[in-house]
Each structure stands twice: as structure tokens, then as C-alpha cells.
N, C-alpha and C. Protein backbone atom coordinates (compact mmCIF):
# COMPACT_ATOMS: atom_id res chain seq x y z
N MET A 1 20.88 34.81 11.39
CA MET A 1 21.98 34.02 11.88
C MET A 1 21.66 32.83 12.76
N ASN A 2 20.97 33.04 13.75
CA ASN A 2 20.43 32.03 14.67
C ASN A 2 18.98 31.69 14.33
N GLU A 3 18.78 30.71 13.38
CA GLU A 3 17.44 30.57 12.74
C GLU A 3 16.51 29.97 13.87
N HIS A 4 16.99 29.24 14.89
CA HIS A 4 16.15 28.67 15.86
C HIS A 4 15.44 29.63 16.77
N LYS A 5 15.89 31.00 16.78
CA LYS A 5 15.23 31.90 17.60
C LYS A 5 13.80 32.27 17.06
N ASN A 6 13.62 31.99 15.80
CA ASN A 6 12.35 32.35 15.15
C ASN A 6 11.29 31.28 15.29
N VAL A 7 11.57 30.18 15.94
CA VAL A 7 10.66 29.04 16.14
C VAL A 7 9.68 29.50 17.21
N ARG A 8 8.40 29.23 16.90
CA ARG A 8 7.36 29.35 17.87
C ARG A 8 6.94 28.06 18.38
N TYR A 9 6.90 27.90 19.73
CA TYR A 9 6.48 26.63 20.25
C TYR A 9 5.09 26.77 20.86
N SER A 10 4.41 25.63 20.72
CA SER A 10 3.17 25.53 21.25
C SER A 10 3.25 25.49 22.90
N ASN A 11 2.39 26.31 23.55
CA ASN A 11 2.47 26.34 24.96
C ASN A 11 1.22 25.71 25.55
N ARG A 12 0.35 24.95 24.78
CA ARG A 12 -0.79 24.14 25.33
C ARG A 12 -0.29 22.95 26.05
N ASN A 13 -1.08 22.53 26.98
CA ASN A 13 -0.81 21.36 27.78
C ASN A 13 -1.07 20.02 26.88
N LEU A 14 -0.27 19.29 26.93
CA LEU A 14 -0.34 17.87 26.14
C LEU A 14 -0.56 16.85 27.05
N SER A 15 -1.46 15.95 26.70
CA SER A 15 -1.67 14.67 27.47
C SER A 15 -0.46 13.82 27.44
N ALA A 16 -0.33 12.81 28.31
CA ALA A 16 0.65 11.96 28.31
C ALA A 16 0.78 11.10 27.01
N GLU A 17 -0.37 10.77 26.37
CA GLU A 17 -0.53 10.11 25.21
C GLU A 17 0.13 10.85 24.04
N GLU A 18 -0.21 12.18 23.96
CA GLU A 18 0.30 13.04 22.96
C GLU A 18 1.87 13.24 23.11
N LYS A 19 2.39 13.31 24.37
CA LYS A 19 3.78 13.39 24.55
C LYS A 19 4.42 12.13 24.06
N ARG A 20 3.84 10.98 24.43
CA ARG A 20 4.40 9.65 23.97
C ARG A 20 4.40 9.54 22.48
N ASN A 21 3.35 10.08 21.78
CA ASN A 21 3.15 10.00 20.31
C ASN A 21 4.33 10.78 19.76
N TYR A 22 4.54 12.04 20.25
CA TYR A 22 5.69 12.91 19.78
C TYR A 22 7.01 12.14 19.80
N CYS A 23 7.31 11.42 20.97
CA CYS A 23 8.55 10.63 21.15
C CYS A 23 8.58 9.52 20.15
N VAL A 24 7.56 8.78 19.95
CA VAL A 24 7.61 7.67 18.98
C VAL A 24 7.72 8.31 17.57
N ALA A 25 7.05 9.35 17.23
CA ALA A 25 7.21 9.89 15.89
C ALA A 25 8.62 10.45 15.64
N TRP A 26 9.14 11.12 16.65
CA TRP A 26 10.61 11.53 16.46
C TRP A 26 11.54 10.37 16.21
N LYS A 27 11.38 9.27 17.06
CA LYS A 27 12.33 8.04 16.84
C LYS A 27 12.09 7.40 15.52
N LYS A 28 10.90 7.48 15.06
CA LYS A 28 10.65 6.91 13.62
C LYS A 28 11.07 7.79 12.59
N SER A 29 11.12 9.06 12.86
CA SER A 29 11.40 10.14 11.70
C SER A 29 12.70 10.02 11.18
N GLY A 30 13.67 9.72 12.03
CA GLY A 30 15.10 9.68 11.59
C GLY A 30 15.71 11.07 11.70
N MET A 31 14.92 12.05 12.07
CA MET A 31 15.38 13.54 12.15
C MET A 31 16.18 13.70 13.38
N ASN A 32 17.04 14.64 13.46
CA ASN A 32 17.57 14.95 14.78
C ASN A 32 16.54 15.76 15.50
N GLN A 33 16.81 15.84 16.87
CA GLN A 33 15.86 16.43 17.79
C GLN A 33 15.43 17.99 17.42
N PHE A 34 16.46 18.68 17.14
CA PHE A 34 16.22 20.14 16.74
C PHE A 34 15.36 20.13 15.55
N ASP A 35 15.58 19.53 14.44
CA ASP A 35 14.69 19.61 13.25
C ASP A 35 13.34 19.09 13.55
N PHE A 36 13.26 18.02 14.29
CA PHE A 36 11.90 17.45 14.54
C PHE A 36 11.10 18.48 15.40
N CYS A 37 11.76 18.98 16.33
CA CYS A 37 10.90 19.89 17.29
C CYS A 37 10.58 21.21 16.51
N LYS A 38 11.42 21.63 15.63
CA LYS A 38 11.19 22.79 14.88
C LYS A 38 9.94 22.56 13.97
N ALA A 39 9.95 21.43 13.31
CA ALA A 39 8.84 21.08 12.35
C ALA A 39 7.49 20.87 13.06
N ASN A 40 7.58 20.48 14.37
CA ASN A 40 6.30 20.15 15.10
C ASN A 40 5.96 21.29 16.11
N GLY A 41 6.81 22.32 16.23
CA GLY A 41 6.36 23.36 17.10
C GLY A 41 6.47 22.98 18.64
N ILE A 42 7.48 22.20 19.01
CA ILE A 42 7.66 21.82 20.45
C ILE A 42 9.04 22.16 20.73
N SER A 43 9.33 22.33 22.06
CA SER A 43 10.68 22.69 22.42
C SER A 43 11.43 21.33 22.57
N LYS A 44 12.76 21.56 22.18
CA LYS A 44 13.67 20.48 22.31
C LYS A 44 13.85 19.89 23.69
N SER A 45 13.86 20.85 24.64
CA SER A 45 14.05 20.33 26.16
C SER A 45 12.78 19.63 26.52
N ALA A 46 11.54 19.91 26.01
CA ALA A 46 10.39 19.18 26.38
C ALA A 46 10.45 17.71 25.85
N LEU A 47 10.81 17.69 24.56
CA LEU A 47 10.90 16.40 23.89
C LEU A 47 11.98 15.50 24.62
N TYR A 48 13.07 16.13 24.97
CA TYR A 48 14.09 15.31 25.68
C TYR A 48 13.55 14.79 27.09
N GLN A 49 12.89 15.76 27.75
CA GLN A 49 12.39 15.31 29.06
C GLN A 49 11.32 14.27 28.91
N TRP A 50 10.36 14.34 27.89
CA TRP A 50 9.41 13.26 27.75
C TRP A 50 10.10 11.94 27.43
N SER A 51 11.01 11.94 26.56
CA SER A 51 11.85 10.79 26.05
C SER A 51 12.39 10.06 27.24
N LYS A 52 13.02 10.93 28.21
CA LYS A 52 13.72 10.25 29.40
C LYS A 52 12.57 9.75 30.35
N GLN A 53 11.59 10.45 30.50
CA GLN A 53 10.38 9.88 31.38
C GLN A 53 9.88 8.63 30.84
N PHE A 54 9.62 8.56 29.55
CA PHE A 54 9.03 7.20 29.02
C PHE A 54 10.06 6.17 29.11
N GLU A 55 11.33 6.37 28.88
CA GLU A 55 12.33 5.39 28.90
C GLU A 55 12.42 4.82 30.32
N LYS A 56 12.33 5.83 31.28
CA LYS A 56 12.36 5.39 32.69
C LYS A 56 11.20 4.56 33.12
N GLU A 57 10.07 4.92 32.61
CA GLU A 57 8.80 4.05 32.84
C GLU A 57 8.92 2.76 32.26
N ALA A 58 9.39 2.69 31.07
CA ALA A 58 9.60 1.37 30.38
C ALA A 58 10.44 0.48 31.10
N SER A 59 11.57 0.99 31.61
CA SER A 59 12.58 0.16 32.30
C SER A 59 12.05 -0.30 33.72
N GLN A 60 10.99 0.42 34.21
CA GLN A 60 10.52 0.13 35.45
C GLN A 60 9.25 -0.83 35.48
N SER A 61 8.79 -1.21 34.26
CA SER A 61 7.54 -1.98 34.04
C SER A 61 7.69 -3.20 34.76
N ASP A 62 6.54 -3.90 34.94
CA ASP A 62 6.35 -5.19 35.65
C ASP A 62 6.41 -6.34 34.50
N PHE A 63 6.85 -6.04 33.31
CA PHE A 63 6.84 -6.98 32.15
C PHE A 63 7.79 -8.11 32.56
N SER A 64 7.30 -9.36 32.44
CA SER A 64 8.27 -10.51 32.61
C SER A 64 8.25 -11.33 31.28
N PRO A 65 9.46 -11.35 30.65
CA PRO A 65 9.45 -12.04 29.29
C PRO A 65 9.20 -13.47 29.39
N LEU A 66 8.60 -14.18 28.41
CA LEU A 66 8.40 -15.49 28.31
C LEU A 66 9.68 -16.20 27.96
N VAL A 67 10.27 -17.07 28.80
CA VAL A 67 11.45 -17.84 28.52
C VAL A 67 11.17 -19.24 28.46
N MET A 68 11.48 -19.83 27.21
CA MET A 68 11.27 -21.27 27.00
C MET A 68 12.61 -21.88 26.71
N PRO A 69 13.17 -22.80 27.40
CA PRO A 69 14.38 -23.45 27.03
C PRO A 69 14.18 -24.22 25.66
N VAL A 70 15.20 -24.18 24.92
CA VAL A 70 15.12 -24.88 23.60
C VAL A 70 16.36 -25.88 23.71
N LYS A 71 15.98 -27.16 23.37
CA LYS A 71 17.12 -28.18 23.45
C LYS A 71 17.89 -27.88 22.02
N ALA A 72 19.18 -28.09 22.13
CA ALA A 72 20.13 -27.93 21.12
C ALA A 72 19.87 -29.06 19.98
N SER A 73 19.45 -30.22 20.45
CA SER A 73 19.28 -31.34 19.41
C SER A 73 17.85 -31.44 19.09
N ALA A 74 16.97 -30.47 19.39
CA ALA A 74 15.51 -30.63 19.15
C ALA A 74 15.27 -30.80 17.61
N THR A 75 14.44 -31.70 17.33
CA THR A 75 14.03 -31.93 15.91
C THR A 75 12.58 -31.65 15.81
N ASN A 76 12.21 -31.55 14.53
CA ASN A 76 10.69 -31.27 14.30
C ASN A 76 10.39 -29.81 14.87
N MET A 77 11.27 -28.84 14.56
CA MET A 77 11.05 -27.47 15.12
C MET A 77 10.07 -26.80 14.11
N LYS A 78 9.25 -25.99 14.79
CA LYS A 78 8.28 -25.02 14.01
C LYS A 78 8.66 -23.70 14.23
N GLN A 79 8.63 -22.77 13.24
CA GLN A 79 8.86 -21.41 13.37
C GLN A 79 7.51 -20.61 13.33
N ILE A 80 7.28 -20.01 14.43
CA ILE A 80 6.00 -19.14 14.36
C ILE A 80 6.43 -17.66 14.50
N THR A 81 5.58 -16.72 13.90
CA THR A 81 5.86 -15.35 13.93
C THR A 81 4.58 -14.65 14.53
N ILE A 82 4.80 -13.89 15.60
CA ILE A 82 3.73 -13.19 16.32
C ILE A 82 3.92 -11.69 15.99
N THR A 83 2.95 -11.08 15.41
CA THR A 83 3.11 -9.64 15.10
C THR A 83 2.03 -8.89 15.93
N SER A 84 2.45 -7.76 16.57
CA SER A 84 1.52 -6.92 17.24
C SER A 84 0.72 -6.12 16.24
N GLY A 85 -0.45 -5.72 16.62
CA GLY A 85 -1.38 -4.95 15.68
C GLY A 85 -1.28 -3.56 15.86
N SER A 86 -0.31 -3.00 16.40
CA SER A 86 -0.19 -1.43 16.66
C SER A 86 0.64 -0.83 15.34
N ASP A 87 0.53 0.48 15.41
CA ASP A 87 1.32 1.23 14.41
C ASP A 87 2.73 0.96 14.34
N ASP A 88 3.40 0.75 15.56
CA ASP A 88 4.78 0.42 15.77
C ASP A 88 4.87 -1.02 15.92
N ALA A 89 4.50 -1.80 14.91
CA ALA A 89 4.34 -3.29 14.99
C ALA A 89 5.78 -3.91 15.50
N VAL A 90 5.60 -4.87 16.25
CA VAL A 90 6.75 -5.66 16.70
C VAL A 90 6.49 -7.03 16.34
N GLN A 91 7.51 -7.69 15.78
CA GLN A 91 7.49 -9.08 15.33
C GLN A 91 8.34 -9.90 16.34
N LEU A 92 7.82 -11.11 16.76
CA LEU A 92 8.45 -11.94 17.56
C LEU A 92 8.51 -13.32 16.83
N LYS A 93 9.78 -13.78 16.50
CA LYS A 93 9.94 -15.00 15.77
C LYS A 93 10.37 -16.06 16.80
N ILE A 94 9.79 -17.13 16.86
CA ILE A 94 10.01 -18.29 17.81
C ILE A 94 10.19 -19.53 17.17
N SER A 95 11.18 -20.34 17.47
CA SER A 95 11.30 -21.65 17.07
C SER A 95 11.02 -22.48 18.15
N ILE A 96 10.10 -23.55 17.95
CA ILE A 96 9.45 -24.30 19.10
C ILE A 96 9.33 -25.73 18.64
N PRO A 97 9.67 -26.63 19.60
CA PRO A 97 9.44 -28.06 19.17
C PRO A 97 7.88 -28.34 18.86
N GLU A 98 7.76 -29.17 17.72
CA GLU A 98 6.31 -29.32 17.36
C GLU A 98 5.41 -29.74 18.43
N ASP A 99 5.89 -30.68 19.33
CA ASP A 99 5.15 -31.29 20.33
C ASP A 99 4.77 -30.19 21.40
N ARG A 100 5.41 -29.07 21.60
CA ARG A 100 5.19 -27.95 22.44
C ARG A 100 4.23 -26.94 21.89
N LEU A 101 3.98 -26.97 20.50
CA LEU A 101 3.25 -25.83 19.93
C LEU A 101 1.87 -25.59 20.46
N ILE A 102 1.12 -26.68 20.63
CA ILE A 102 -0.28 -26.45 21.15
C ILE A 102 -0.15 -25.85 22.51
N SER A 103 0.55 -26.44 23.32
CA SER A 103 0.55 -25.95 24.81
C SER A 103 1.09 -24.39 24.88
N PHE A 104 2.02 -24.06 23.90
CA PHE A 104 2.47 -22.75 23.86
C PHE A 104 1.49 -21.73 23.37
N ILE A 105 0.65 -22.17 22.36
CA ILE A 105 -0.45 -21.35 21.92
C ILE A 105 -1.50 -21.14 22.97
N LYS A 106 -1.86 -22.21 23.78
CA LYS A 106 -2.75 -22.06 24.90
C LYS A 106 -2.21 -21.07 26.02
N GLU A 107 -0.94 -21.23 26.28
CA GLU A 107 -0.33 -20.38 27.27
C GLU A 107 -0.43 -18.90 26.79
N MET A 108 -0.05 -18.62 25.47
CA MET A 108 -0.21 -17.23 24.96
C MET A 108 -1.64 -16.79 25.04
N CYS A 109 -2.43 -17.53 24.79
CA CYS A 109 -4.00 -17.10 24.83
C CYS A 109 -4.32 -16.77 26.26
N ASN A 110 -3.87 -17.50 27.25
CA ASN A 110 -4.22 -17.23 28.62
C ASN A 110 -3.52 -15.95 28.96
N ALA A 111 -2.26 -15.81 28.58
CA ALA A 111 -1.58 -14.60 28.97
C ALA A 111 -2.20 -13.37 28.38
N THR A 112 -2.67 -13.28 27.08
CA THR A 112 -3.16 -12.23 26.53
C THR A 112 -4.56 -11.89 27.03
N SER A 113 -5.34 -12.90 27.38
CA SER A 113 -6.69 -12.67 27.97
C SER A 113 -6.56 -11.99 29.42
N ALA A 114 -5.42 -12.41 30.14
CA ALA A 114 -5.19 -11.91 31.54
C ALA A 114 -4.77 -10.42 31.36
N ILE A 115 -4.05 -10.02 30.24
CA ILE A 115 -3.55 -8.70 30.07
C ILE A 115 -4.83 -7.82 29.83
N ARG A 116 -5.69 -8.22 29.07
CA ARG A 116 -6.88 -7.37 28.61
C ARG A 116 -7.71 -7.11 29.85
């Protein structure tokens, strides 16, 4: 009758990276929490707690987005696409005036080398 009582959960200690990977995998899976946890042998309460923890950390990060004003009447606009190289790739599409393109690329190179 209550099929979830037969589920066996792993009680090994997981690293923060493993917990984050479970959260990412769950969100990508399209499954509800119960089914995902059952399939992966983790408790629903643990997954919920990890998700909340990582969401809180993400909202408290020191990330400052790059904001560039775009003139409404700008001509000679170039569209560039920046794609992250990770499994959960993120694409950033930017329209930028052609005369600002080189300085923008230099700024991005400086920013990424500072992060590394």
C-alpha cells in the first residue's frame, strides 16, 4: 500500500559537490522529488534541505552582473553569444555596438582571468 516505506536510503556522508550534483540532476530530470529520491536512494528531506542550502548560497554570492547601457538608436550592432563550458551550459546573448566590441572583449578577458 505505502510503497515508499520499502525505499532504502544511503546513509553515507556526501560531499558538498555530490549534494550539489544531486540537486542539479533532480532539476534537470523533470521528475518530482519523491520519484527522483527513490530512484537515487536518497531521502526527500535531504534533497529538499540541500536545494534550499544551495539556493541560499547562490542568492548571497558576491556576483556583480555586467551592465552595459545600450542606446535605443544604436546602429551597426553586433550580436555575440557566450557559452559556458560546463555540463549545465549557459548561453549569454549580447547585442553591442560595433565600436564597443573590442573593448568589451578585452574587459571580459580581464574579468575571466581575475576569476581564475
